[in-house]
Amino acid sequence: MRRIYESDALRRDDDDPHASAERDDEGAIQALRSVPATALSDRLVPRGLRRRFVSVDVETPRREFAVGEPVPFVVTFRNRVPFPVSIVTASPLPWTWSVDGDVEAAAADVSLRDPPDEPGRFAFDRGERKRFRRRWDGLFRVTDSEWVPADPGEYVIGAAANVADADASGLRAETRVRLVE
């Protein structure tokens, strides 16, 4: 068996089509390295303007549900522009949902009253749509371990990005459902 250095495999010859050709690449323009588009967008687009590019929608499969029946809903956040956008949030929790303004109705296993004080980021690729499927079981939290069922009537399920003044920024949406006997 021949060794690689005895076989002339590393020989370079411009006249031999099977030998590698040496090229002088010095001074030639090489491919540009990719630029992190989200970081570039963060530097070029003001924070207040970034919020206008994201839309929020809350949908349910129907408007009426029986008392005690879980209410499934879908929250959709969408970047409406053809470049990446990120929104600075008040905590690492990017968004919240509520029923009639009661956020605790939404969380059985996580306390949303004391999220960490560190800011977070809700990042979107260009034209990206993020969908979250959730379910309200028709219960409201009274204490840490006690839940009461909702009475028949109309309720508002809302979702918002975790930013200050989400209503004014257009980062909040809601839908109405009716619980019937």
N, C-alpha and C. Protein backbone atom coordinates (compact mmCIF):
# COMPACT_ATOMS: atom_id res chain seq x y z
N MET A 1 0.84 -1.17 0.00
CA MET A 1 0.00 0.00 0.00
C MET A 1 0.89 1.23 0.00
N ARG A 2 0.57 2.14 -0.83
CA ARG A 2 1.40 3.34 -0.95
C ARG A 2 0.92 4.39 0.02
N ARG A 3 1.82 5.13 0.49
CA ARG A 3 1.47 6.24 1.37
C ARG A 3 1.10 7.45 0.54
N ILE A 4 0.34 8.34 1.16
CA ILE A 4 -0.19 9.49 0.43
C ILE A 4 0.92 10.37 -0.14
N TYR A 5 2.03 10.50 0.57
CA TYR A 5 3.09 11.37 0.07
C TYR A 5 3.91 10.72 -1.02
N GLU A 6 3.80 9.41 -1.20
CA GLU A 6 4.50 8.73 -2.29
C GLU A 6 3.65 8.66 -3.54
N SER A 7 2.37 8.92 -3.46
CA SER A 7 1.47 8.72 -4.59
C SER A 7 1.29 9.96 -5.46
N ASP A 8 1.89 11.06 -5.10
CA ASP A 8 1.72 12.32 -5.84
C ASP A 8 0.27 12.81 -5.82
N ALA A 9 -0.51 12.40 -4.85
CA ALA A 9 -1.90 12.84 -4.75
C ALA A 9 -2.00 14.32 -4.41
N LEU A 10 -0.97 14.84 -3.81
CA LEU A 10 -0.99 16.25 -3.45
C LEU A 10 -0.28 17.12 -4.48
N ARG A 11 0.11 16.52 -5.59
CA ARG A 11 0.81 17.26 -6.63
C ARG A 11 -0.17 18.20 -7.33
N ARG A 12 0.30 19.36 -7.66
CA ARG A 12 -0.53 20.34 -8.36
C ARG A 12 0.09 20.59 -9.73
N ASP A 13 -0.76 20.50 -10.74
CA ASP A 13 -0.27 20.70 -12.10
C ASP A 13 -1.41 21.29 -12.93
N ASP A 14 -1.16 22.42 -13.57
CA ASP A 14 -2.18 23.06 -14.39
C ASP A 14 -2.49 22.29 -15.67
N ASP A 15 -1.54 21.51 -16.15
CA ASP A 15 -1.74 20.78 -17.40
C ASP A 15 -2.45 19.45 -17.18
N ASP A 16 -2.37 18.87 -16.01
CA ASP A 16 -2.99 17.58 -15.71
C ASP A 16 -4.40 17.83 -15.18
N PRO A 17 -5.46 17.33 -15.88
CA PRO A 17 -6.83 17.60 -15.43
C PRO A 17 -7.19 16.90 -14.13
N HIS A 18 -6.43 15.88 -13.74
CA HIS A 18 -6.75 15.16 -12.52
C HIS A 18 -5.99 15.69 -11.30
N ALA A 19 -5.07 16.59 -11.51
CA ALA A 19 -4.32 17.17 -10.40
C ALA A 19 -5.01 18.46 -9.99
N SER A 20 -4.95 18.77 -8.71
CA SER A 20 -5.56 20.02 -8.26
C SER A 20 -4.73 21.19 -8.77
N ALA A 21 -5.43 22.22 -9.13
CA ALA A 21 -4.75 23.41 -9.64
C ALA A 21 -4.58 24.40 -8.51
N GLU A 22 -3.44 25.03 -8.49
CA GLU A 22 -3.22 26.08 -7.49
C GLU A 22 -3.90 27.34 -7.97
N ARG A 23 -4.49 28.03 -7.03
CA ARG A 23 -5.14 29.28 -7.39
C ARG A 23 -4.62 30.36 -6.47
N ASP A 24 -4.51 31.50 -7.03
CA ASP A 24 -4.09 32.64 -6.24
C ASP A 24 -5.35 33.36 -5.77
N ASP A 25 -5.78 33.09 -4.53
CA ASP A 25 -7.01 33.68 -4.00
C ASP A 25 -6.76 34.96 -3.23
N GLU A 26 -5.52 35.36 -3.13
CA GLU A 26 -5.24 36.58 -2.39
C GLU A 26 -5.79 37.78 -3.17
N GLY A 27 -6.49 38.62 -2.49
CA GLY A 27 -7.04 39.81 -3.11
C GLY A 27 -8.41 39.58 -3.73
N ALA A 28 -8.84 38.33 -3.88
CA ALA A 28 -10.16 38.05 -4.44
C ALA A 28 -11.24 38.26 -3.37
N ILE A 29 -12.38 38.73 -3.79
CA ILE A 29 -13.48 38.95 -2.85
C ILE A 29 -14.08 37.60 -2.49
N GLN A 30 -14.17 37.35 -1.22
CA GLN A 30 -14.77 36.10 -0.76
C GLN A 30 -16.21 36.36 -0.36
N ALA A 31 -16.95 35.31 -0.16
CA ALA A 31 -18.35 35.44 0.22
C ALA A 31 -18.48 36.23 1.51
N LEU A 32 -19.51 37.07 1.57
CA LEU A 32 -19.74 37.86 2.78
C LEU A 32 -20.23 36.94 3.89
N ARG A 33 -19.78 37.18 5.06
CA ARG A 33 -20.28 36.41 6.19
C ARG A 33 -21.71 36.85 6.46
N SER A 34 -22.49 35.94 6.96
CA SER A 34 -23.88 36.28 7.21
C SER A 34 -23.96 37.25 8.38
N VAL A 35 -24.87 38.17 8.27
CA VAL A 35 -25.08 39.18 9.30
C VAL A 35 -26.30 38.74 10.10
N PRO A 36 -26.21 38.74 11.44
CA PRO A 36 -27.41 38.39 12.21
C PRO A 36 -28.49 39.44 11.99
N ALA A 37 -29.51 39.05 11.24
CA ALA A 37 -30.53 40.00 10.81
C ALA A 37 -31.31 40.58 11.99
N THR A 38 -31.55 39.79 13.02
CA THR A 38 -32.30 40.30 14.17
C THR A 38 -31.51 41.38 14.88
N ALA A 39 -30.21 41.18 15.04
CA ALA A 39 -29.37 42.19 15.69
C ALA A 39 -29.32 43.46 14.85
N LEU A 40 -29.25 43.30 13.54
CA LEU A 40 -29.23 44.46 12.65
C LEU A 40 -30.55 45.21 12.74
N SER A 41 -31.65 44.48 12.74
CA SER A 41 -32.96 45.09 12.85
C SER A 41 -33.11 45.83 14.18
N ASP A 42 -32.59 45.23 15.27
CA ASP A 42 -32.66 45.88 16.59
C ASP A 42 -31.91 47.21 16.59
N ARG A 43 -30.84 47.29 15.85
CA ARG A 43 -30.06 48.52 15.82
C ARG A 43 -30.68 49.59 14.92
N LEU A 44 -31.35 49.16 13.86
CA LEU A 44 -31.86 50.12 12.88
C LEU A 44 -33.30 50.56 13.10
N VAL A 45 -34.12 49.70 13.71
CA VAL A 45 -35.54 50.02 13.87
C VAL A 45 -35.82 50.40 15.32
N PRO A 46 -36.37 51.59 15.56
CA PRO A 46 -36.68 52.01 16.94
C PRO A 46 -37.68 51.07 17.62
N ARG A 47 -37.56 50.96 18.94
CA ARG A 47 -38.41 50.03 19.71
C ARG A 47 -39.90 50.31 19.52
N GLY A 48 -40.28 51.56 19.57
CA GLY A 48 -41.69 51.91 19.43
C GLY A 48 -42.25 51.51 18.07
N LEU A 49 -41.43 51.60 17.06
CA LEU A 49 -41.86 51.24 15.71
C LEU A 49 -41.96 49.73 15.55
N ARG A 50 -41.08 48.99 16.21
CA ARG A 50 -41.10 47.52 16.12
C ARG A 50 -42.42 46.96 16.62
N ARG A 51 -42.99 47.58 17.64
CA ARG A 51 -44.25 47.09 18.21
C ARG A 51 -45.38 47.19 17.19
N ARG A 52 -45.32 48.17 16.31
CA ARG A 52 -46.38 48.34 15.31
C ARG A 52 -46.36 47.26 14.24
N PHE A 53 -45.23 46.58 14.10
CA PHE A 53 -45.10 45.57 13.06
C PHE A 53 -45.69 44.22 13.46
N VAL A 54 -45.98 44.04 14.74
CA VAL A 54 -46.48 42.75 15.22
C VAL A 54 -47.97 42.86 15.51
N SER A 55 -48.73 41.88 15.03
CA SER A 55 -50.17 41.87 15.30
C SER A 55 -50.50 40.68 16.19
N VAL A 56 -51.63 40.78 16.90
CA VAL A 56 -52.08 39.73 17.83
C VAL A 56 -53.52 39.39 17.49
N ASP A 57 -53.85 38.10 17.57
CA ASP A 57 -55.21 37.67 17.31
C ASP A 57 -55.54 36.50 18.25
N VAL A 58 -56.77 36.46 18.74
CA VAL A 58 -57.24 35.37 19.60
C VAL A 58 -58.48 34.77 18.93
N GLU A 59 -58.47 33.44 18.75
CA GLU A 59 -59.58 32.76 18.08
C GLU A 59 -60.04 31.55 18.89
N THR A 60 -61.35 31.29 18.84
CA THR A 60 -61.92 30.08 19.42
C THR A 60 -62.65 29.33 18.31
N PRO A 61 -62.81 28.01 18.43
CA PRO A 61 -63.49 27.27 17.36
C PRO A 61 -64.97 27.63 17.24
N ARG A 62 -65.59 28.06 18.34
CA ARG A 62 -66.98 28.50 18.30
C ARG A 62 -67.20 29.51 19.43
N ARG A 63 -68.36 30.13 19.46
CA ARG A 63 -68.63 31.19 20.44
C ARG A 63 -69.34 30.69 21.70
N GLU A 64 -70.00 29.56 21.65
CA GLU A 64 -70.74 29.06 22.82
C GLU A 64 -70.18 27.71 23.28
N PHE A 65 -70.05 27.59 24.60
CA PHE A 65 -69.56 26.36 25.21
C PHE A 65 -70.44 26.05 26.41
N ALA A 66 -70.56 24.78 26.73
CA ALA A 66 -71.33 24.37 27.90
C ALA A 66 -70.51 24.65 29.16
N VAL A 67 -71.19 24.96 30.26
CA VAL A 67 -70.50 25.18 31.54
C VAL A 67 -69.74 23.90 31.90
N GLY A 68 -68.50 24.02 32.27
CA GLY A 68 -67.67 22.88 32.61
C GLY A 68 -66.89 22.31 31.43
N GLU A 69 -67.24 22.71 30.23
CA GLU A 69 -66.52 22.26 29.03
C GLU A 69 -65.28 23.13 28.83
N PRO A 70 -64.13 22.54 28.54
CA PRO A 70 -62.93 23.35 28.29
C PRO A 70 -63.12 24.23 27.04
N VAL A 71 -62.56 25.43 27.10
CA VAL A 71 -62.66 26.36 25.98
C VAL A 71 -61.28 26.46 25.33
N PRO A 72 -61.08 25.79 24.18
CA PRO A 72 -59.78 25.90 23.50
C PRO A 72 -59.71 27.21 22.72
N PHE A 73 -58.53 27.78 22.66
CA PHE A 73 -58.34 28.98 21.86
C PHE A 73 -56.92 29.03 21.34
N VAL A 74 -56.73 29.81 20.29
CA VAL A 74 -55.43 29.95 19.64
C VAL A 74 -55.05 31.42 19.67
N VAL A 75 -53.84 31.70 20.14
CA VAL A 75 -53.29 33.05 20.14
C VAL A 75 -52.23 33.10 19.05
N THR A 76 -52.37 34.05 18.13
CA THR A 76 -51.44 34.17 17.01
C THR A 76 -50.76 35.53 17.06
N PHE A 77 -49.43 35.50 17.09
CA PHE A 77 -48.62 36.71 16.96
C PHE A 77 -47.99 36.65 15.58
N ARG A 78 -48.04 37.76 14.83
CA ARG A 78 -47.53 37.74 13.46
C ARG A 78 -46.68 38.98 13.18
N ASN A 79 -45.52 38.75 12.61
CA ASN A 79 -44.66 39.83 12.13
C ASN A 79 -45.13 40.19 10.73
N ARG A 80 -45.59 41.41 10.52
CA ARG A 80 -46.17 41.79 9.25
C ARG A 80 -45.16 42.38 8.26
N VAL A 81 -43.89 42.45 8.62
CA VAL A 81 -42.90 43.07 7.73
C VAL A 81 -41.91 42.01 7.24
N PRO A 82 -41.23 42.30 6.12
CA PRO A 82 -40.32 41.30 5.54
C PRO A 82 -38.91 41.31 6.12
N PHE A 83 -38.77 41.75 7.34
CA PHE A 83 -37.47 41.69 8.01
C PHE A 83 -37.70 41.31 9.47
N PRO A 84 -36.69 40.74 10.13
CA PRO A 84 -36.85 40.29 11.51
C PRO A 84 -37.13 41.45 12.46
N VAL A 85 -37.92 41.15 13.48
CA VAL A 85 -38.29 42.14 14.49
C VAL A 85 -38.25 41.45 15.85
N SER A 86 -37.78 42.17 16.87
CA SER A 86 -37.88 41.64 18.22
C SER A 86 -38.43 42.72 19.14
N ILE A 87 -39.23 42.29 20.09
CA ILE A 87 -39.87 43.20 21.03
C ILE A 87 -39.27 42.93 22.40
N VAL A 88 -38.84 43.97 23.09
CA VAL A 88 -38.31 43.83 24.44
C VAL A 88 -39.50 43.69 25.39
N THR A 89 -39.50 42.61 26.18
CA THR A 89 -40.61 42.36 27.11
C THR A 89 -40.19 42.69 28.53
N ALA A 90 -41.18 42.82 29.41
CA ALA A 90 -40.91 43.20 30.80
C ALA A 90 -40.25 42.08 31.59
N SER A 91 -40.40 40.84 31.15
CA SER A 91 -39.80 39.69 31.83
C SER A 91 -39.53 38.61 30.78
N PRO A 92 -38.89 37.52 31.16
CA PRO A 92 -38.68 36.44 30.19
C PRO A 92 -39.98 35.81 29.68
N LEU A 93 -41.09 36.04 30.36
CA LEU A 93 -42.39 35.58 29.92
C LEU A 93 -42.84 36.48 28.76
N PRO A 94 -42.88 35.97 27.51
CA PRO A 94 -43.13 36.86 26.37
C PRO A 94 -44.56 37.36 26.24
N TRP A 95 -45.53 36.58 26.72
CA TRP A 95 -46.92 37.01 26.60
C TRP A 95 -47.76 36.36 27.70
N THR A 96 -48.95 36.90 27.92
CA THR A 96 -49.86 36.37 28.93
C THR A 96 -51.27 36.30 28.34
N TRP A 97 -52.10 35.50 28.98
CA TRP A 97 -53.50 35.49 28.60
C TRP A 97 -54.35 35.58 29.85
N SER A 98 -55.59 36.03 29.68
CA SER A 98 -56.46 36.24 30.84
C SER A 98 -57.91 35.98 30.44
N VAL A 99 -58.74 35.81 31.46
CA VAL A 99 -60.17 35.69 31.27
C VAL A 99 -60.82 36.78 32.11
N ASP A 100 -61.52 37.68 31.47
CA ASP A 100 -62.12 38.85 32.12
C ASP A 100 -61.08 39.62 32.94
N GLY A 101 -59.88 39.70 32.45
CA GLY A 101 -58.82 40.43 33.13
C GLY A 101 -58.15 39.68 34.26
N ASP A 102 -58.61 38.48 34.56
CA ASP A 102 -58.05 37.69 35.65
C ASP A 102 -56.95 36.78 35.10
N VAL A 103 -55.70 37.20 35.30
CA VAL A 103 -54.56 36.44 34.78
C VAL A 103 -54.40 35.14 35.54
N GLU A 104 -54.74 35.11 36.80
CA GLU A 104 -54.60 33.88 37.57
C GLU A 104 -55.54 32.79 37.09
N ALA A 105 -56.60 33.13 36.36
CA ALA A 105 -57.46 32.09 35.79
C ALA A 105 -56.68 31.30 34.74
N ALA A 106 -55.62 31.90 34.24
CA ALA A 106 -54.85 31.28 33.17
C ALA A 106 -53.76 30.36 33.67
N ALA A 107 -53.35 30.46 34.91
CA ALA A 107 -52.16 29.73 35.34
C ALA A 107 -52.44 28.84 36.53
N ALA A 108 -52.46 27.56 36.30
CA ALA A 108 -52.67 26.64 37.41
C ALA A 108 -51.35 26.23 38.04
N ASP A 109 -50.29 26.23 37.25
CA ASP A 109 -49.02 25.74 37.77
C ASP A 109 -47.92 26.79 37.84
N VAL A 110 -48.14 27.99 37.33
CA VAL A 110 -47.12 29.03 37.34
C VAL A 110 -47.72 30.30 37.91
N SER A 111 -47.05 30.89 38.88
CA SER A 111 -47.53 32.16 39.42
C SER A 111 -47.04 33.29 38.53
N LEU A 112 -47.99 34.05 37.99
CA LEU A 112 -47.62 35.14 37.10
C LEU A 112 -47.51 36.46 37.85
N ARG A 113 -47.76 36.46 39.13
CA ARG A 113 -47.72 37.71 39.88
C ARG A 113 -46.30 38.21 40.08
N ASP A 114 -45.33 37.32 40.20
CA ASP A 114 -43.96 37.72 40.45
C ASP A 114 -43.00 37.17 39.41
N PRO A 115 -43.13 37.58 38.13
CA PRO A 115 -42.13 37.11 37.16
C PRO A 115 -40.80 37.79 37.45
N PRO A 116 -39.70 37.23 36.98
CA PRO A 116 -38.40 37.86 37.22
C PRO A 116 -38.35 39.29 36.70
N ASP A 117 -37.53 40.11 37.33
CA ASP A 117 -37.43 41.52 36.94
C ASP A 117 -36.59 41.75 35.70
N GLU A 118 -35.90 40.74 35.24
CA GLU A 118 -35.04 40.91 34.08
C GLU A 118 -35.87 40.98 32.80
N PRO A 119 -35.48 41.83 31.87
CA PRO A 119 -36.24 41.93 30.61
C PRO A 119 -36.00 40.70 29.74
N GLY A 120 -36.93 40.48 28.84
CA GLY A 120 -36.82 39.37 27.90
C GLY A 120 -36.95 39.89 26.49
N ARG A 121 -37.05 38.99 25.56
CA ARG A 121 -37.14 39.37 24.14
C ARG A 121 -38.09 38.39 23.44
N PHE A 122 -38.99 38.93 22.66
CA PHE A 122 -39.93 38.15 21.87
C PHE A 122 -39.54 38.38 20.42
N ALA A 123 -38.81 37.44 19.83
CA ALA A 123 -38.20 37.63 18.51
C ALA A 123 -39.02 36.93 17.42
N PHE A 124 -39.11 37.60 16.27
CA PHE A 124 -39.82 37.08 15.11
C PHE A 124 -38.92 37.16 13.89
N ASP A 125 -38.93 36.11 13.10
CA ASP A 125 -38.25 36.12 11.81
C ASP A 125 -39.08 36.94 10.85
N ARG A 126 -38.58 37.18 9.67
CA ARG A 126 -39.34 37.97 8.71
C ARG A 126 -40.63 37.25 8.34
N GLY A 127 -41.75 37.95 8.50
CA GLY A 127 -43.05 37.38 8.17
C GLY A 127 -43.47 36.20 9.04
N GLU A 128 -42.80 35.97 10.16
CA GLU A 128 -43.09 34.80 10.98
C GLU A 128 -44.42 34.92 11.71
N ARG A 129 -45.09 33.79 11.84
CA ARG A 129 -46.34 33.70 12.57
C ARG A 129 -46.14 32.68 13.69
N LYS A 130 -46.40 33.10 14.92
CA LYS A 130 -46.27 32.20 16.07
C LYS A 130 -47.66 31.92 16.61
N ARG A 131 -47.99 30.63 16.70
CA ARG A 131 -49.31 30.24 17.20
C ARG A 131 -49.15 29.45 18.48
N PHE A 132 -49.98 29.81 19.45
CA PHE A 132 -49.98 29.13 20.74
C PHE A 132 -51.39 28.62 21.00
N ARG A 133 -51.49 27.35 21.29
CA ARG A 133 -52.79 26.74 21.59
C ARG A 133 -52.91 26.61 23.11
N ARG A 134 -53.97 27.16 23.65
CA ARG A 134 -54.24 27.10 25.09
C ARG A 134 -55.67 26.66 25.32
N ARG A 135 -55.99 26.46 26.61
CA ARG A 135 -57.32 26.01 26.97
C ARG A 135 -57.69 26.62 28.32
N TRP A 136 -58.89 27.17 28.39
CA TRP A 136 -59.43 27.65 29.66
C TRP A 136 -60.42 26.60 30.12
N ASP A 137 -60.23 26.09 31.31
CA ASP A 137 -61.08 25.02 31.82
C ASP A 137 -62.38 25.52 32.44
N GLY A 138 -62.64 26.81 32.34
CA GLY A 138 -63.87 27.36 32.90
C GLY A 138 -63.80 27.53 34.40
N LEU A 139 -62.59 27.69 34.93
CA LEU A 139 -62.39 27.83 36.37
C LEU A 139 -61.68 29.15 36.67
N PHE A 140 -61.96 29.70 37.86
CA PHE A 140 -61.25 30.88 38.35
C PHE A 140 -60.56 30.51 39.66
N ARG A 141 -59.36 31.01 39.85
CA ARG A 141 -58.59 30.73 41.06
C ARG A 141 -59.07 31.66 42.18
N VAL A 142 -59.40 31.05 43.33
CA VAL A 142 -59.81 31.81 44.51
C VAL A 142 -58.64 31.90 45.47
N THR A 143 -57.99 30.78 45.73
CA THR A 143 -56.77 30.74 46.54
C THR A 143 -55.75 29.91 45.77
N ASP A 144 -54.58 29.70 46.36
CA ASP A 144 -53.55 28.93 45.66
C ASP A 144 -54.00 27.51 45.34
N SER A 145 -54.89 26.96 46.14
CA SER A 145 -55.30 25.58 45.91
C SER A 145 -56.79 25.42 45.62
N GLU A 146 -57.53 26.51 45.55
CA GLU A 146 -58.98 26.41 45.34
C GLU A 146 -59.39 27.12 44.06
N TRP A 147 -60.18 26.40 43.28
CA TRP A 147 -60.70 26.92 42.01
C TRP A 147 -62.22 26.81 42.03
N VAL A 148 -62.91 27.79 41.48
CA VAL A 148 -64.36 27.74 41.39
C VAL A 148 -64.78 27.78 39.92
N PRO A 149 -65.84 27.05 39.58
CA PRO A 149 -66.29 27.07 38.18
C PRO A 149 -66.94 28.41 37.82
N ALA A 150 -66.82 28.76 36.57
CA ALA A 150 -67.43 30.00 36.09
C ALA A 150 -68.93 29.81 35.93
N ASP A 151 -69.69 30.85 36.22
CA ASP A 151 -71.14 30.83 36.05
C ASP A 151 -71.48 30.99 34.57
N PRO A 152 -72.69 30.60 34.18
CA PRO A 152 -73.10 30.86 32.80
C PRO A 152 -73.07 32.36 32.52
N GLY A 153 -72.68 32.71 31.33
CA GLY A 153 -72.59 34.11 30.93
C GLY A 153 -71.52 34.33 29.89
N GLU A 154 -71.24 35.60 29.63
CA GLU A 154 -70.26 35.96 28.61
C GLU A 154 -68.93 36.31 29.26
N TYR A 155 -67.85 35.82 28.67
CA TYR A 155 -66.50 36.05 29.20
C TYR A 155 -65.58 36.51 28.07
N VAL A 156 -64.58 37.29 28.43
CA VAL A 156 -63.62 37.81 27.47
C VAL A 156 -62.29 37.11 27.69
N ILE A 157 -61.80 36.42 26.67
CA ILE A 157 -60.48 35.80 26.71
C ILE A 157 -59.53 36.74 25.97
N GLY A 158 -58.51 37.22 26.67
CA GLY A 158 -57.58 38.16 26.07
C GLY A 158 -56.16 37.65 26.13
N ALA A 159 -55.34 38.13 25.21
CA ALA A 159 -53.92 37.81 25.17
C ALA A 159 -53.15 39.06 24.82
N ALA A 160 -51.97 39.22 25.42
CA ALA A 160 -51.17 40.41 25.17
C ALA A 160 -49.69 40.08 25.29
N ALA A 161 -48.89 40.79 24.54
CA ALA A 161 -47.44 40.70 24.71
C ALA A 161 -47.11 41.30 26.06
N ASN A 162 -46.09 40.79 26.71
CA ASN A 162 -45.72 41.24 28.05
C ASN A 162 -44.90 42.53 27.98
N VAL A 163 -45.57 43.59 27.57
CA VAL A 163 -44.94 44.91 27.48
C VAL A 163 -45.82 45.92 28.19
N ALA A 164 -45.23 47.04 28.57
CA ALA A 164 -46.02 48.11 29.16
C ALA A 164 -46.94 48.67 28.08
N ASP A 165 -48.11 49.07 28.45
CA ASP A 165 -49.14 49.63 27.57
C ASP A 165 -49.34 48.81 26.29
N ALA A 166 -49.61 47.52 26.46
CA ALA A 166 -49.85 46.63 25.32
C ALA A 166 -51.08 47.07 24.53
N ASP A 167 -52.09 47.62 25.22
CA ASP A 167 -53.30 48.08 24.53
C ASP A 167 -52.97 49.21 23.56
N ALA A 168 -52.22 50.20 24.03
CA ALA A 168 -51.88 51.35 23.19
C ALA A 168 -50.96 50.95 22.04
N SER A 169 -50.15 49.93 22.24
CA SER A 169 -49.22 49.49 21.20
C SER A 169 -49.86 48.56 20.19
N GLY A 170 -51.08 48.13 20.45
CA GLY A 170 -51.74 47.19 19.55
C GLY A 170 -51.28 45.76 19.74
N LEU A 171 -50.68 45.48 20.89
CA LEU A 171 -50.17 44.14 21.17
C LEU A 171 -51.09 43.37 22.10
N ARG A 172 -52.37 43.67 22.04
CA ARG A 172 -53.38 42.97 22.84
C ARG A 172 -54.58 42.69 21.95
N ALA A 173 -55.15 41.49 22.13
CA ALA A 173 -56.37 41.13 21.40
C ALA A 173 -57.26 40.32 22.34
N GLU A 174 -58.53 40.25 22.01
CA GLU A 174 -59.46 39.50 22.84
C GLU A 174 -60.60 38.96 21.99
N THR A 175 -61.26 37.96 22.55
CA THR A 175 -62.45 37.40 21.93
C THR A 175 -63.46 37.09 23.02
N ARG A 176 -64.71 37.04 22.65
CA ARG A 176 -65.77 36.79 23.63
C ARG A 176 -66.34 35.38 23.42
N VAL A 177 -66.59 34.72 24.55
CA VAL A 177 -67.24 33.40 24.52
C VAL A 177 -68.39 33.42 25.51
N ARG A 178 -69.39 32.57 25.26
CA ARG A 178 -70.53 32.47 26.15
C ARG A 178 -70.61 31.07 26.71
N LEU A 179 -70.71 30.98 28.04
CA LEU A 179 -70.91 29.70 28.70
C LEU A 179 -72.40 29.54 28.95
N VAL A 180 -72.94 28.41 28.50
CA VAL A 180 -74.38 28.16 28.63
C VAL A 180 -74.60 26.85 29.38
N GLU A 181 -75.79 26.72 29.99
CA GLU A 181 -76.15 25.51 30.75
C GLU A 181 -76.34 24.35 29.80
